[in-house]
C-alpha atoms as a PDB file:
ATOM      1  CA  MET A   1     -59.174  -7.026 121.257  1.00  0.00           C
ATOM      2  CA  THR A   2     -58.957  -5.100 118.081  1.00  0.00           C
ATOM      3  CA  HIS A   3     -57.005  -6.386 114.918  1.00  0.00           C
ATOM      4  CA  ILE A   4     -55.885  -3.739 112.145  1.00  0.00           C
ATOM      5  CA  SER A   5     -55.456  -5.219 108.837  1.00  0.00           C
ATOM      6  CA  HIS A   6     -52.056  -4.137 107.044  1.00  0.00           C
ATOM      7  CA  THR A   7     -54.108  -5.115 103.468  1.00  0.00           C
ATOM      8  CA  ARG A   8     -53.450  -2.402 100.676  1.00  0.00           C
ATOM      9  CA  SER A   9     -56.315  -0.319  99.664  1.00  0.00           C
ATOM     10  CA  ALA A  10     -58.222  -0.741  96.602  1.00  0.00           C
ATOM     11  CA  PHE A  11     -57.227   2.894  95.742  1.00  0.00           C
ATOM     12  CA  THR A  12     -53.848   2.697  93.757  1.00  0.00           C
ATOM     13  CA  LEU A  13     -52.042   5.297  91.555  1.00  0.00           C
ATOM     14  CA  SER A  14     -49.987   5.193  88.289  1.00  0.00           C
ATOM     15  CA  PRO A  15     -46.086   6.451  89.005  1.00  0.00           C
ATOM     16  CA  ARG A  16     -47.458   9.384  86.016  1.00  0.00           C
ATOM     17  CA  GLN A  17     -50.600   9.936  88.638  1.00  0.00           C
ATOM     18  CA  ILE A  18     -47.852  10.223  91.784  1.00  0.00           C
ATOM     19  CA  CYS A  19     -45.653  12.301  89.809  1.00  0.00           C
ATOM     20  CA  LEU A  20     -48.110  15.053  89.289  1.00  0.00           C
ATOM     21  CA  LEU A  21     -49.720  15.044  92.926  1.00  0.00           C
ATOM     22  CA  ILE A  22     -45.919  15.400  93.674  1.00  0.00           C
ATOM     23  CA  LEU A  23     -46.117  18.646  91.346  1.00  0.00           C
ATOM     24  CA  LEU A  24     -49.151  19.641  92.380  1.00  0.00           C
ATOM     25  CA  VAL A  25     -48.318  19.740  96.106  1.00  0.00           C
ATOM     26  CA  LEU A  26     -45.045  21.918  95.870  1.00  0.00           C
ATOM     27  CA  GLN A  27     -47.110  24.227  93.340  1.00  0.00           C
ATOM     28  CA  ILE A  28     -49.975  24.394  96.008  1.00  0.00           C
ATOM     29  CA  VAL A  29     -47.189  25.146  98.347  1.00  0.00           C
ATOM     30  CA  MET A  30     -45.733  28.082  96.343  1.00  0.00           C
ATOM     31  CA  LEU A  31     -49.187  29.368  95.509  1.00  0.00           C
ATOM     32  CA  LEU A  32     -49.827  29.608  99.436  1.00  0.00           C
ATOM     33  CA  ALA A  33     -45.865  31.122 100.267  1.00  0.00           C
ATOM     34  CA  PHE A  34     -47.058  33.558  97.052  1.00  0.00           C
ATOM     35  CA  LEU A  35     -50.720  34.608  98.707  1.00  0.00           C
ATOM     36  CA  PHE A  36     -49.245  35.264 102.187  1.00  0.00           C
ATOM     37  CA  GLU A  37     -45.962  36.423 101.295  1.00  0.00           C
ATOM     38  CA  LYS A  38     -43.993  34.176 103.252  1.00  0.00           C
ATOM     39  CA  PRO A  39     -40.145  33.929 102.221  1.00  0.00           C
ATOM     40  CA  PRO A  40     -38.968  32.379 100.115  1.00  0.00           C
ATOM     41  CA  HIS A  41     -41.902  33.225  97.885  1.00  0.00           C
ATOM     42  CA  PRO A  42     -42.588  33.624  94.050  1.00  0.00           C
ATOM     43  CA  PRO A  43     -42.626  37.648  92.723  1.00  0.00           C
ATOM     44  CA  LEU A  44     -45.732  38.915  91.981  1.00  0.00           C
ATOM     45  CA  THR A  45     -44.765  39.307  88.289  1.00  0.00           C
ATOM     46  CA  ILE A  46     -42.623  38.210  86.045  1.00  0.00           C
ATOM     47  CA  PRO A  47     -41.642  39.467  82.740  1.00  0.00           C
ATOM     48  CA  LEU A  48     -43.876  37.069  80.615  1.00  0.00           C
ATOM     49  CA  PHE A  49     -47.111  37.662  83.008  1.00  0.00           C
ATOM     50  CA  ALA A  50     -48.378  37.727  86.856  1.00  0.00           C
ATOM     51  CA  MET A  51     -47.642  34.517  88.848  1.00  0.00           C
ATOM     52  CA  GLY A  52     -50.941  34.121  90.592  1.00  0.00           C
ATOM     53  CA  PRO A  53     -52.771  33.042  87.261  1.00  0.00           C
ATOM     54  CA  PHE A  54     -50.003  31.150  85.833  1.00  0.00           C
ATOM     55  CA  LEU A  55     -50.354  29.114  88.641  1.00  0.00           C
ATOM     56  CA  GLY A  56     -53.820  28.386  88.796  1.00  0.00           C
ATOM     57  CA  ALA A  57     -53.504  27.888  84.659  1.00  0.00           C
ATOM     58  CA  SER A  58     -50.733  25.685  85.765  1.00  0.00           C
ATOM     59  CA  LEU A  59     -52.766  23.767  88.853  1.00  0.00           C
ATOM     60  CA  ALA A  60     -55.516  23.349  86.203  1.00  0.00           C
ATOM     61  CA  LEU A  61     -53.995  21.100  83.808  1.00  0.00           C
ATOM     62  CA  GLY A  62     -52.200  19.391  86.591  1.00  0.00           C
ATOM     63  CA  PHE A  63     -55.356  18.125  88.091  1.00  0.00           C
ATOM     64  CA  ALA A  64     -56.885  17.754  84.592  1.00  0.00           C
ATOM     65  CA  ALA A  65     -54.155  15.131  84.369  1.00  0.00           C
ATOM     66  CA  LEU A  66     -54.198  13.766  87.341  1.00  0.00           C
ATOM     67  CA  PHE A  67     -58.184  12.983  86.785  1.00  0.00           C
ATOM     68  CA  ALA A  68     -57.873  12.437  83.288  1.00  0.00           C
ATOM     69  CA  ALA A  69     -60.118   8.810  82.264  1.00  0.00           C
ATOM     70  CA  GLN A  70     -58.217   8.284  79.007  1.00  0.00           C
ATOM     71  CA  GLU A  71     -54.349   8.307  78.552  1.00  0.00           C
ATOM     72  CA  ARG A  72     -54.639   9.609  75.353  1.00  0.00           C
ATOM     73  CA  LEU A  73     -55.934  12.510  77.113  1.00  0.00           C
ATOM     74  CA  ALA A  74     -54.259  12.233  80.654  1.00  0.00           C
ATOM     75  CA  GLN A  75     -50.866  12.258  78.578  1.00  0.00           C
ATOM     76  CA  PRO A  76     -50.448  15.229  76.611  1.00  0.00           C
ATOM     77  CA  LEU A  77     -52.339  17.213  79.782  1.00  0.00           C
ATOM     78  CA  GLY A  78     -49.477  15.829  81.991  1.00  0.00           C
ATOM     79  CA  LEU A  79     -47.111  17.307  79.708  1.00  0.00           C
ATOM     80  CA  ALA A  80     -48.237  20.640  79.907  1.00  0.00           C
ATOM     81  CA  ALA A  81     -48.469  20.602  83.424  1.00  0.00           C
ATOM     82  CA  MET A  82     -44.895  19.301  83.708  1.00  0.00           C
ATOM     83  CA  ILE A  83     -43.700  22.270  81.407  1.00  0.00           C
ATOM     84  CA  CYS A  84     -45.953  24.601  83.421  1.00  0.00           C
ATOM     85  CA  ALA A  85     -44.026  23.418  86.630  1.00  0.00           C
ATOM     86  CA  MET A  86     -41.061  23.692  84.849  1.00  0.00           C
ATOM     87  CA  ILE A  87     -41.184  27.397  84.522  1.00  0.00           C
ATOM     88  CA  SER A  88     -41.204  27.493  88.360  1.00  0.00           C
ATOM     89  CA  PHE A  89     -39.104  25.293  89.188  1.00  0.00           C
ATOM     90  CA  GLY A  90     -36.533  24.358  85.997  1.00  0.00           C
ATOM     91  CA  PRO A  91     -33.192  24.568  86.017  1.00  0.00           C
ATOM     92  CA  HIS A  92     -33.186  27.956  85.472  1.00  0.00           C
ATOM     93  CA  LYS A  93     -33.370  27.857  89.393  1.00  0.00           C
ATOM     94  CA  LEU A  94     -30.090  26.503  89.987  1.00  0.00           C
ATOM     95  CA  LEU A  95     -28.772  29.748  89.260  1.00  0.00           C
ATOM     96  CA  ASP A  96     -30.975  31.394  91.865  1.00  0.00           C
ATOM     97  CA  PRO A  97     -29.792  33.139  94.747  1.00  0.00           C
ATOM     98  CA  LEU A  98     -32.107  31.726  97.061  1.00  0.00           C
ATOM     99  CA  LEU A  99     -31.081  28.338  95.701  1.00  0.00           C
ATOM    100  CA  PRO A 100     -29.404  27.686  99.455  1.00  0.00           C
ATOM    101  CA  GLN A 101     -33.347  27.633 100.856  1.00  0.00           C
ATOM    102  CA  ILE A 102     -34.939  25.769  97.657  1.00  0.00           C
ATOM    103  CA  TRP A 103     -32.808  23.413  96.399  1.00  0.00           C
ATOM    104  CA  PRO A 104     -34.891  20.245  98.066  1.00  0.00           C
ATOM    105  CA  THR A 105     -38.071  21.807  96.239  1.00  0.00           C
ATOM    106  CA  ILE A 106     -35.878  22.506  93.020  1.00  0.00           C
ATOM    107  CA  LEU A 107     -34.301  19.032  92.869  1.00  0.00           C
ATOM    108  CA  LEU A 108     -37.728  17.314  93.469  1.00  0.00           C
ATOM    109  CA  ALA A 109     -39.687  18.902  90.818  1.00  0.00           C
ATOM    110  CA  GLN A 110     -37.035  18.831  88.057  1.00  0.00           C
ATOM    111  CA  GLY A 111     -36.760  14.618  88.817  1.00  0.00           C
ATOM    112  CA  THR A 112     -40.440  14.473  88.842  1.00  0.00           C
ATOM    113  CA  SER A 113     -40.374  16.267  85.820  1.00  0.00           C
ATOM    114  CA  LEU A 114     -37.920  14.022  84.186  1.00  0.00           C
ATOM    115  CA  PHE A 115     -39.779  10.953  85.081  1.00  0.00           C
ATOM    116  CA  LEU A 116     -42.859  12.635  83.463  1.00  0.00           C
ATOM    117  CA  LEU A 117     -41.589  13.286  80.311  1.00  0.00           C
ATOM    118  CA  VAL A 118     -39.678   9.762  79.984  1.00  0.00           C
ATOM    119  CA  GLY A 119     -42.707   8.192  80.575  1.00  0.00           C
ATOM    120  CA  SER A 120     -44.599  10.452  77.736  1.00  0.00           C
ATOM    121  CA  PHE A 121     -41.799   9.458  75.359  1.00  0.00           C
ATOM    122  CA  ARG A 122     -42.192   5.670  76.243  1.00  0.00           C
ATOM    123  CA  TYR A 123     -45.689   5.976  75.952  1.00  0.00           C
ATOM    124  CA  TYR A 124     -45.920   7.726  72.625  1.00  0.00           C
ATOM    125  CA  ARG A 125     -43.017   5.681  71.034  1.00  0.00           C
ATOM    126  CA  LYS A 126     -44.871   2.627  72.081  1.00  0.00           C
ATOM    127  CA  ASP A 127     -48.290   3.930  71.064  1.00  0.00           C
ATOM    128  CA  GLY A 128     -47.163   5.455  67.419  1.00  0.00           C
ATOM    129  CA  ALA A 129     -49.081   8.313  68.208  1.00  0.00           C
END
């Protein structure tokens, strides 16, 4: 008979890393919807830039923040990734006509971003940086 152990993995994530993973998954799903044009998908361009390169930059910042070894580097990268995510999922989306279809994503991204923002304020206040 096989015994399955229910011990915790040695691989653990910080709350900041979990939040970054959530934002990364949401942006990857948005990128896939964009690439395959599955509604509701983001527009190809917005007045400021083309969506594809923006999503690429946003994902790059998120992954860099996720894997940054030093907290001094991870915090500003995480804030930059959160700001990019808010361009896609921010409060302005509450006025979007597609809100009935996309509200779970919007609320999750906004809550996660708020958690990252509060964590960053605490980090910089404690650190004095």
